[in-house]
Amino acid sequence: IWGTANIDQFQYYKVEYGVGETPPGWVVIDDLRYERVSEEVLVVWNTVGLTPGTYTLRLTVVDITGNYPEPRCTVSVTLE
């Protein structure tokens, strides 16, 4: 998954996935990342074992005060 995770007073970012277009819950993909990223790989998402269907990905970038700007970045994907 490619993208950018870079805000003022950056602390870390995380990429999560949820089932459906409006997920009832979220699963963190891999670990929290403590390095800023600009137009690079954010995380590698291993989809082996996931049921085919629609998933929503969410990127949350957190600053040193524990806050994160809204809206968070979300995108829907379909696994076949």
PDB file of N, CA and C in Angstrom:
ATOM      1  N   ILE A   1       0.856  -1.164   0.000  1.00  0.00           N
ATOM      2  CA  ILE A   1       0.000   0.000   0.000  1.00  0.00           C
ATOM      3  C   ILE A   1       0.904   1.230   0.000  1.00  0.00           C
ATOM      4  N   TRP A   2       0.753   2.058  -1.005  1.00  0.00           N
ATOM      5  CA  TRP A   2       1.574   3.257  -1.163  1.00  0.00           C
ATOM      6  C   TRP A   2       0.834   4.489  -0.663  1.00  0.00           C
ATOM      7  N   GLY A   3       1.577   5.487  -0.224  1.00  0.00           N
ATOM      8  CA  GLY A   3       0.961   6.739   0.182  1.00  0.00           C
ATOM      9  C   GLY A   3       1.927   7.638   0.917  1.00  0.00           C
ATOM     10  N   THR A   4       1.369   8.614   1.610  1.00  0.00           N
ATOM     11  CA  THR A   4       2.144   9.581   2.378  1.00  0.00           C
ATOM     12  C   THR A   4       1.585   9.664   3.794  1.00  0.00           C
ATOM     13  N   ALA A   5       2.468   9.632   4.772  1.00  0.00           N
ATOM     14  CA  ALA A   5       2.106   9.798   6.186  1.00  0.00           C
ATOM     15  C   ALA A   5       3.069  10.820   6.766  1.00  0.00           C
ATOM     16  N   ASN A   6       2.648  12.077   6.763  1.00  0.00           N
ATOM     17  CA  ASN A   6       3.543  13.153   7.162  1.00  0.00           C
ATOM     18  C   ASN A   6       2.713  14.359   7.598  1.00  0.00           C
ATOM     19  N   ILE A   7       2.745  14.694   8.879  1.00  0.00           N
ATOM     20  CA  ILE A   7       2.054  15.867   9.409  1.00  0.00           C
ATOM     21  C   ILE A   7       3.010  16.610  10.337  1.00  0.00           C
ATOM     22  N   ASP A   8       2.642  17.838  10.708  1.00  0.00           N
ATOM     23  CA  ASP A   8       3.431  18.571  11.703  1.00  0.00           C
ATOM     24  C   ASP A   8       3.441  17.789  13.010  1.00  0.00           C
ATOM     25  N   GLN A   9       4.547  17.780  13.690  1.00  0.00           N
ATOM     26  CA  GLN A   9       4.727  17.096  14.976  1.00  0.00           C
ATOM     27  C   GLN A   9       4.394  15.600  14.879  1.00  0.00           C
ATOM     28  N   PHE A  10       4.789  15.002  13.775  1.00  0.00           N
ATOM     29  CA  PHE A  10       4.542  13.580  13.508  1.00  0.00           C
ATOM     30  C   PHE A  10       5.076  12.702  14.634  1.00  0.00           C
ATOM     31  N   GLN A  11       4.272  11.707  15.040  1.00  0.00           N
ATOM     32  CA  GLN A  11       4.738  10.691  15.983  1.00  0.00           C
ATOM     33  C   GLN A  11       4.742   9.311  15.338  1.00  0.00           C
ATOM     34  N   TYR A  12       3.602   8.884  14.790  1.00  0.00           N
ATOM     35  CA  TYR A  12       3.529   7.587  14.121  1.00  0.00           C
ATOM     36  C   TYR A  12       2.301   7.534  13.225  1.00  0.00           C
ATOM     37  N   TYR A  13       2.247   6.481  12.402  1.00  0.00           N
ATOM     38  CA  TYR A  13       1.043   6.217  11.628  1.00  0.00           C
ATOM     39  C   TYR A  13       0.716   4.740  11.694  1.00  0.00           C
ATOM     40  N   LYS A  14      -0.532   4.435  11.350  1.00  0.00           N
ATOM     41  CA  LYS A  14      -0.962   3.046  11.268  1.00  0.00           C
ATOM     42  C   LYS A  14      -1.917   2.905  10.096  1.00  0.00           C
ATOM     43  N   VAL A  15      -1.885   1.719   9.489  1.00  0.00           N
ATOM     44  CA  VAL A  15      -2.811   1.380   8.419  1.00  0.00           C
ATOM     45  C   VAL A  15      -3.655   0.221   8.924  1.00  0.00           C
ATOM     46  N   GLU A  16      -4.966   0.357   8.774  1.00  0.00           N
ATOM     47  CA  GLU A  16      -5.893  -0.657   9.259  1.00  0.00           C
ATOM     48  C   GLU A  16      -6.828  -1.080   8.135  1.00  0.00           C
ATOM     49  N   TYR A  17      -7.434  -2.261   8.300  1.00  0.00           N
ATOM     50  CA  TYR A  17      -8.487  -2.667   7.383  1.00  0.00           C
ATOM     51  C   TYR A  17      -9.706  -3.103   8.173  1.00  0.00           C
ATOM     52  N   GLY A  18     -10.853  -2.986   7.518  1.00  0.00           N
ATOM     53  CA  GLY A  18     -12.113  -3.441   8.091  1.00  0.00           C
ATOM     54  C   GLY A  18     -12.945  -4.082   7.002  1.00  0.00           C
ATOM     55  N   VAL A  19     -13.880  -4.922   7.392  1.00  0.00           N
ATOM     56  CA  VAL A  19     -14.720  -5.636   6.439  1.00  0.00           C
ATOM     57  C   VAL A  19     -15.885  -4.747   6.017  1.00  0.00           C
ATOM     58  N   GLY A  20     -16.093  -4.638   4.694  1.00  0.00           N
ATOM     59  CA  GLY A  20     -17.200  -3.859   4.146  1.00  0.00           C
ATOM     60  C   GLY A  20     -16.850  -2.395   3.961  1.00  0.00           C
ATOM     61  N   GLU A  21     -17.844  -1.638   3.469  1.00  0.00           N
ATOM     62  CA  GLU A  21     -17.626  -0.210   3.216  1.00  0.00           C
ATOM     63  C   GLU A  21     -17.748   0.642   4.473  1.00  0.00           C
ATOM     64  N   THR A  22     -18.452   0.158   5.473  1.00  0.00           N
ATOM     65  CA  THR A  22     -18.548   0.839   6.771  1.00  0.00           C
ATOM     66  C   THR A  22     -18.263  -0.196   7.857  1.00  0.00           C
ATOM     67  N   PRO A  23     -16.983  -0.508   8.062  1.00  0.00           N
ATOM     68  CA  PRO A  23     -16.595  -1.596   8.967  1.00  0.00           C
ATOM     69  C   PRO A  23     -17.068  -1.379  10.406  1.00  0.00           C
ATOM     70  N   PRO A  24     -17.490  -2.467  11.050  1.00  0.00           N
ATOM     71  CA  PRO A  24     -17.853  -2.387  12.460  1.00  0.00           C
ATOM     72  C   PRO A  24     -16.626  -2.346  13.375  1.00  0.00           C
ATOM     73  N   GLY A  25     -15.475  -2.720  12.839  1.00  0.00           N
ATOM     74  CA  GLY A  25     -14.230  -2.727  13.600  1.00  0.00           C
ATOM     75  C   GLY A  25     -13.045  -2.673  12.664  1.00  0.00           C
ATOM     76  N   TRP A  26     -11.864  -2.496  13.238  1.00  0.00           N
ATOM     77  CA  TRP A  26     -10.643  -2.318  12.453  1.00  0.00           C
ATOM     78  C   TRP A  26      -9.554  -3.245  12.958  1.00  0.00           C
ATOM     79  N   VAL A  27      -8.699  -3.695  12.008  1.00  0.00           N
ATOM     80  CA  VAL A  27      -7.546  -4.533  12.321  1.00  0.00           C
ATOM     81  C   VAL A  27      -6.303  -3.800  11.825  1.00  0.00           C
ATOM     82  N   VAL A  28      -5.315  -3.609  12.693  1.00  0.00           N
ATOM     83  CA  VAL A  28      -4.071  -2.945  12.296  1.00  0.00           C
ATOM     84  C   VAL A  28      -3.265  -3.889  11.410  1.00  0.00           C
ATOM     85  N   ILE A  29      -2.815  -3.368  10.284  1.00  0.00           N
ATOM     86  CA  ILE A  29      -1.962  -4.134   9.376  1.00  0.00           C
ATOM     87  C   ILE A  29      -0.524  -3.920   9.822  1.00  0.00           C
ATOM     88  N   ASP A  30       0.155  -4.989  10.212  1.00  0.00           N
ATOM     89  CA  ASP A  30       1.543  -4.931  10.649  1.00  0.00           C
ATOM     90  C   ASP A  30       1.661  -4.102  11.935  1.00  0.00           C
ATOM     91  N   ASP A  31       2.746  -3.347  12.086  1.00  0.00           N
ATOM     92  CA  ASP A  31       3.030  -2.603  13.317  1.00  0.00           C
ATOM     93  C   ASP A  31       2.803  -1.108  13.115  1.00  0.00           C
ATOM     94  N   LEU A  32       2.779  -0.360  14.220  1.00  0.00           N
ATOM     95  CA  LEU A  32       2.797   1.093  14.120  1.00  0.00           C
ATOM     96  C   LEU A  32       4.119   1.496  13.489  1.00  0.00           C
ATOM     97  N   ARG A  33       4.105   2.548  12.676  1.00  0.00           N
ATOM     98  CA  ARG A  33       5.311   3.013  11.981  1.00  0.00           C
ATOM     99  C   ARG A  33       5.705   4.383  12.512  1.00  0.00           C
ATOM    100  N   TYR A  34       6.975   4.513  12.890  1.00  0.00           N
ATOM    101  CA  TYR A  34       7.461   5.743  13.523  1.00  0.00           C
ATOM    102  C   TYR A  34       8.343   6.587  12.608  1.00  0.00           C
ATOM    103  N   GLU A  35       8.344   6.292  11.317  1.00  0.00           N
ATOM    104  CA  GLU A  35       9.099   7.071  10.333  1.00  0.00           C
ATOM    105  C   GLU A  35       8.126   7.727   9.361  1.00  0.00           C
ATOM    106  N   ARG A  36       8.356   9.003   9.070  1.00  0.00           N
ATOM    107  CA  ARG A  36       7.539   9.689   8.067  1.00  0.00           C
ATOM    108  C   ARG A  36       7.740   9.023   6.714  1.00  0.00           C
ATOM    109  N   VAL A  37       6.686   9.014   5.909  1.00  0.00           N
ATOM    110  CA  VAL A  37       6.735   8.414   4.577  1.00  0.00           C
ATOM    111  C   VAL A  37       6.109   9.393   3.597  1.00  0.00           C
ATOM    112  N   SER A  38       6.746   9.562   2.433  1.00  0.00           N
ATOM    113  CA  SER A  38       6.206  10.437   1.405  1.00  0.00           C
ATOM    114  C   SER A  38       6.225   9.714   0.065  1.00  0.00           C
ATOM    115  N   GLU A  39       5.037   9.360  -0.417  1.00  0.00           N
ATOM    116  CA  GLU A  39       4.875   8.661  -1.690  1.00  0.00           C
ATOM    117  C   GLU A  39       5.752   7.420  -1.752  1.00  0.00           C
ATOM    118  N   GLU A  40       5.645   6.596  -0.715  1.00  0.00           N
ATOM    119  CA  GLU A  40       6.396   5.347  -0.626  1.00  0.00           C
ATOM    120  C   GLU A  40       5.474   4.263  -0.082  1.00  0.00           C
ATOM    121  N   VAL A  41       6.042   3.084   0.116  1.00  0.00           N
ATOM    122  CA  VAL A  41       5.274   1.991   0.706  1.00  0.00           C
ATOM    123  C   VAL A  41       4.968   2.318   2.163  1.00  0.00           C
ATOM    124  N   LEU A  42       3.691   2.348   2.502  1.00  0.00           N
ATOM    125  CA  LEU A  42       3.273   2.554   3.889  1.00  0.00           C
ATOM    126  C   LEU A  42       3.352   1.247   4.660  1.00  0.00           C
ATOM    127  N   VAL A  43       2.854   0.190   4.047  1.00  0.00           N
ATOM    128  CA  VAL A  43       2.800  -1.120   4.683  1.00  0.00           C
ATOM    129  C   VAL A  43       2.514  -2.159   3.597  1.00  0.00           C
ATOM    130  N   VAL A  44       2.935  -3.387   3.835  1.00  0.00           N
ATOM    131  CA  VAL A  44       2.602  -4.497   2.942  1.00  0.00           C
ATOM    132  C   VAL A  44       1.437  -5.250   3.573  1.00  0.00           C
ATOM    133  N   TRP A  45       0.356  -5.402   2.821  1.00  0.00           N
ATOM    134  CA  TRP A  45      -0.858  -6.053   3.314  1.00  0.00           C
ATOM    135  C   TRP A  45      -0.957  -7.443   2.724  1.00  0.00           C
ATOM    136  N   ASN A  46      -0.779  -8.449   3.548  1.00  0.00           N
ATOM    137  CA  ASN A  46      -0.905  -9.838   3.115  1.00  0.00           C
ATOM    138  C   ASN A  46      -2.370 -10.232   3.219  1.00  0.00           C
ATOM    139  N   THR A  47      -3.022 -10.421   2.077  1.00  0.00           N
ATOM    140  CA  THR A  47      -4.452 -10.726   2.059  1.00  0.00           C
ATOM    141  C   THR A  47      -4.740 -12.220   1.997  1.00  0.00           C
ATOM    142  N   VAL A  48      -3.706 -13.045   2.046  1.00  0.00           N
ATOM    143  CA  VAL A  48      -3.907 -14.494   2.034  1.00  0.00           C
ATOM    144  C   VAL A  48      -4.768 -14.875   3.236  1.00  0.00           C
ATOM    145  N   GLY A  49      -5.795 -15.646   2.985  1.00  0.00           N
ATOM    146  CA  GLY A  49      -6.673 -16.093   4.061  1.00  0.00           C
ATOM    147  C   GLY A  49      -7.890 -15.216   4.275  1.00  0.00           C
ATOM    148  N   LEU A  50      -7.917 -14.034   3.643  1.00  0.00           N
ATOM    149  CA  LEU A  50      -9.098 -13.178   3.762  1.00  0.00           C
ATOM    150  C   LEU A  50     -10.164 -13.630   2.766  1.00  0.00           C
ATOM    151  N   THR A  51     -11.406 -13.553   3.174  1.00  0.00           N
ATOM    152  CA  THR A  51     -12.529 -13.912   2.318  1.00  0.00           C
ATOM    153  C   THR A  51     -12.676 -12.878   1.207  1.00  0.00           C
ATOM    154  N   PRO A  52     -12.916 -13.317  -0.046  1.00  0.00           N
ATOM    155  CA  PRO A  52     -13.164 -12.344  -1.108  1.00  0.00           C
ATOM    156  C   PRO A  52     -14.326 -11.422  -0.739  1.00  0.00           C
ATOM    157  N   GLY A  53     -14.203 -10.158  -1.103  1.00  0.00           N
ATOM    158  CA  GLY A  53     -15.247  -9.182  -0.809  1.00  0.00           C
ATOM    159  C   GLY A  53     -14.672  -7.790  -0.687  1.00  0.00           C
ATOM    160  N   THR A  54     -15.471  -6.875  -0.188  1.00  0.00           N
ATOM    161  CA  THR A  54     -15.077  -5.474  -0.053  1.00  0.00           C
ATOM    162  C   THR A  54     -14.476  -5.224   1.326  1.00  0.00           C
ATOM    163  N   TYR A  55     -13.359  -4.525   1.312  1.00  0.00           N
ATOM    164  CA  TYR A  55     -12.676  -4.124   2.542  1.00  0.00           C
ATOM    165  C   TYR A  55     -12.407  -2.630   2.463  1.00  0.00           C
ATOM    166  N   THR A  56     -12.319  -1.992   3.604  1.00  0.00           N
ATOM    167  CA  THR A  56     -11.960  -0.578   3.665  1.00  0.00           C
ATOM    168  C   THR A  56     -10.615  -0.450   4.370  1.00  0.00           C
ATOM    169  N   LEU A  57      -9.720   0.323   3.761  1.00  0.00           N
ATOM    170  CA  LEU A  57      -8.414   0.614   4.354  1.00  0.00           C
ATOM    171  C   LEU A  57      -8.478   2.000   4.981  1.00  0.00           C
ATOM    172  N   ARG A  58      -7.795   2.153   6.114  1.00  0.00           N
ATOM    173  CA  ARG A  58      -7.784   3.448   6.810  1.00  0.00           C
ATOM    174  C   ARG A  58      -6.362   3.775   7.247  1.00  0.00           C
ATOM    175  N   LEU A  59      -5.922   4.976   6.895  1.00  0.00           N
ATOM    176  CA  LEU A  59      -4.621   5.492   7.320  1.00  0.00           C
ATOM    177  C   LEU A  59      -4.860   6.543   8.395  1.00  0.00           C
ATOM    178  N   THR A  60      -4.230   6.367   9.546  1.00  0.00           N
ATOM    179  CA  THR A  60      -4.313   7.343  10.631  1.00  0.00           C
ATOM    180  C   THR A  60      -2.900   7.800  10.966  1.00  0.00           C
ATOM    181  N   VAL A  61      -2.668   9.113  10.910  1.00  0.00           N
ATOM    182  CA  VAL A  61      -1.372   9.697  11.243  1.00  0.00           C
ATOM    183  C   VAL A  61      -1.545  10.465  12.553  1.00  0.00           C
ATOM    184  N   VAL A  62      -0.726  10.143  13.544  1.00  0.00           N
ATOM    185  CA  VAL A  62      -0.874  10.679  14.898  1.00  0.00           C
ATOM    186  C   VAL A  62       0.293  11.613  15.214  1.00  0.00           C
ATOM    187  N   ASP A  63      -0.012  12.744  15.869  1.00  0.00           N
ATOM    188  CA  ASP A  63       1.058  13.673  16.239  1.00  0.00           C
ATOM    189  C   ASP A  63       1.541  13.408  17.668  1.00  0.00           C
ATOM    190  N   ILE A  64       2.532  14.182  18.120  1.00  0.00           N
ATOM    191  CA  ILE A  64       3.165  13.920  19.420  1.00  0.00           C
ATOM    192  C   ILE A  64       2.241  14.183  20.602  1.00  0.00           C
ATOM    193  N   THR A  65       1.101  14.841  20.362  1.00  0.00           N
ATOM    194  CA  THR A  65       0.133  15.054  21.439  1.00  0.00           C
ATOM    195  C   THR A  65      -0.929  13.955  21.479  1.00  0.00           C
ATOM    196  N   GLY A  66      -0.832  13.006  20.538  1.00  0.00           N
ATOM    197  CA  GLY A  66      -1.811  11.921  20.477  1.00  0.00           C
ATOM    198  C   GLY A  66      -3.018  12.236  19.618  1.00  0.00           C
ATOM    199  N   ASN A  67      -3.021  13.404  18.996  1.00  0.00           N
ATOM    200  CA  ASN A  67      -4.133  13.795  18.128  1.00  0.00           C
ATOM    201  C   ASN A  67      -3.869  13.377  16.698  1.00  0.00           C
ATOM    202  N   TYR A  68      -4.930  13.245  15.930  1.00  0.00           N
ATOM    203  CA  TYR A  68      -4.816  12.947  14.508  1.00  0.00           C
ATOM    204  C   TYR A  68      -5.822  13.809  13.757  1.00  0.00           C
ATOM    205  N   PRO A  69      -5.389  14.343  12.604  1.00  0.00           N
ATOM    206  CA  PRO A  69      -6.278  15.202  11.830  1.00  0.00           C
ATOM    207  C   PRO A  69      -7.430  14.400  11.232  1.00  0.00           C
ATOM    208  N   GLU A  70      -8.573  15.035  11.144  1.00  0.00           N
ATOM    209  CA  GLU A  70      -9.723  14.454  10.450  1.00  0.00           C
ATOM    210  C   GLU A  70      -9.881  15.194   9.129  1.00  0.00           C
ATOM    211  N   PRO A  71     -10.367  14.606   8.062  1.00  0.00           N
ATOM    212  CA  PRO A  71     -10.748  13.202   8.064  1.00  0.00           C
ATOM    213  C   PRO A  71      -9.536  12.307   7.868  1.00  0.00           C
ATOM    214  N   ARG A  72      -9.609  11.134   8.441  1.00  0.00           N
ATOM    215  CA  ARG A  72      -8.592  10.132   8.153  1.00  0.00           C
ATOM    216  C   ARG A  72      -8.803   9.654   6.724  1.00  0.00           C
ATOM    217  N   CYS A  73      -7.775   9.133   6.135  1.00  0.00           N
ATOM    218  CA  CYS A  73      -7.860   8.655   4.761  1.00  0.00           C
ATOM    219  C   CYS A  73      -8.447   7.247   4.750  1.00  0.00           C
ATOM    220  N   THR A  74      -9.546   7.050   4.016  1.00  0.00           N
ATOM    221  CA  THR A  74     -10.122   5.717   3.863  1.00  0.00           C
ATOM    222  C   THR A  74     -10.346   5.436   2.388  1.00  0.00           C
ATOM    223  N   VAL A  75     -10.215   4.175   2.007  1.00  0.00           N
ATOM    224  CA  VAL A  75     -10.447   3.751   0.631  1.00  0.00           C
ATOM    225  C   VAL A  75     -10.984   2.330   0.660  1.00  0.00           C
ATOM    226  N   SER A  76     -11.958   2.045  -0.213  1.00  0.00           N
ATOM    227  CA  SER A  76     -12.520   0.695  -0.302  1.00  0.00           C
ATOM    228  C   SER A  76     -11.810  -0.085  -1.396  1.00  0.00           C
ATOM    229  N   VAL A  77     -11.579  -1.366  -1.143  1.00  0.00           N
ATOM    230  CA  VAL A  77     -10.966  -2.259  -2.121  1.00  0.00           C
ATOM    231  C   VAL A  77     -11.777  -3.548  -2.161  1.00  0.00           C
ATOM    232  N   THR A  78     -11.721  -4.240  -3.298  1.00  0.00           N
ATOM    233  CA  THR A  78     -12.411  -5.516  -3.435  1.00  0.00           C
ATOM    234  C   THR A  78     -11.392  -6.603  -3.703  1.00  0.00           C
ATOM    235  N   LEU A  79     -11.401  -7.638  -2.878  1.00  0.00           N
ATOM    236  CA  LEU A  79     -10.545  -8.801  -3.079  1.00  0.00           C
ATOM    237  C   LEU A  79     -11.342  -9.846  -3.838  1.00  0.00           C
ATOM    238  N   GLU A  80     -10.729 -10.422  -4.845  1.00  0.00           N
ATOM    239  CA  GLU A  80     -11.413 -11.456  -5.624  1.00  0.00           C
ATOM    240  C   GLU A  80     -10.795 -12.802  -5.384  1.00  0.00           C
TER     241      GLU A  80
END
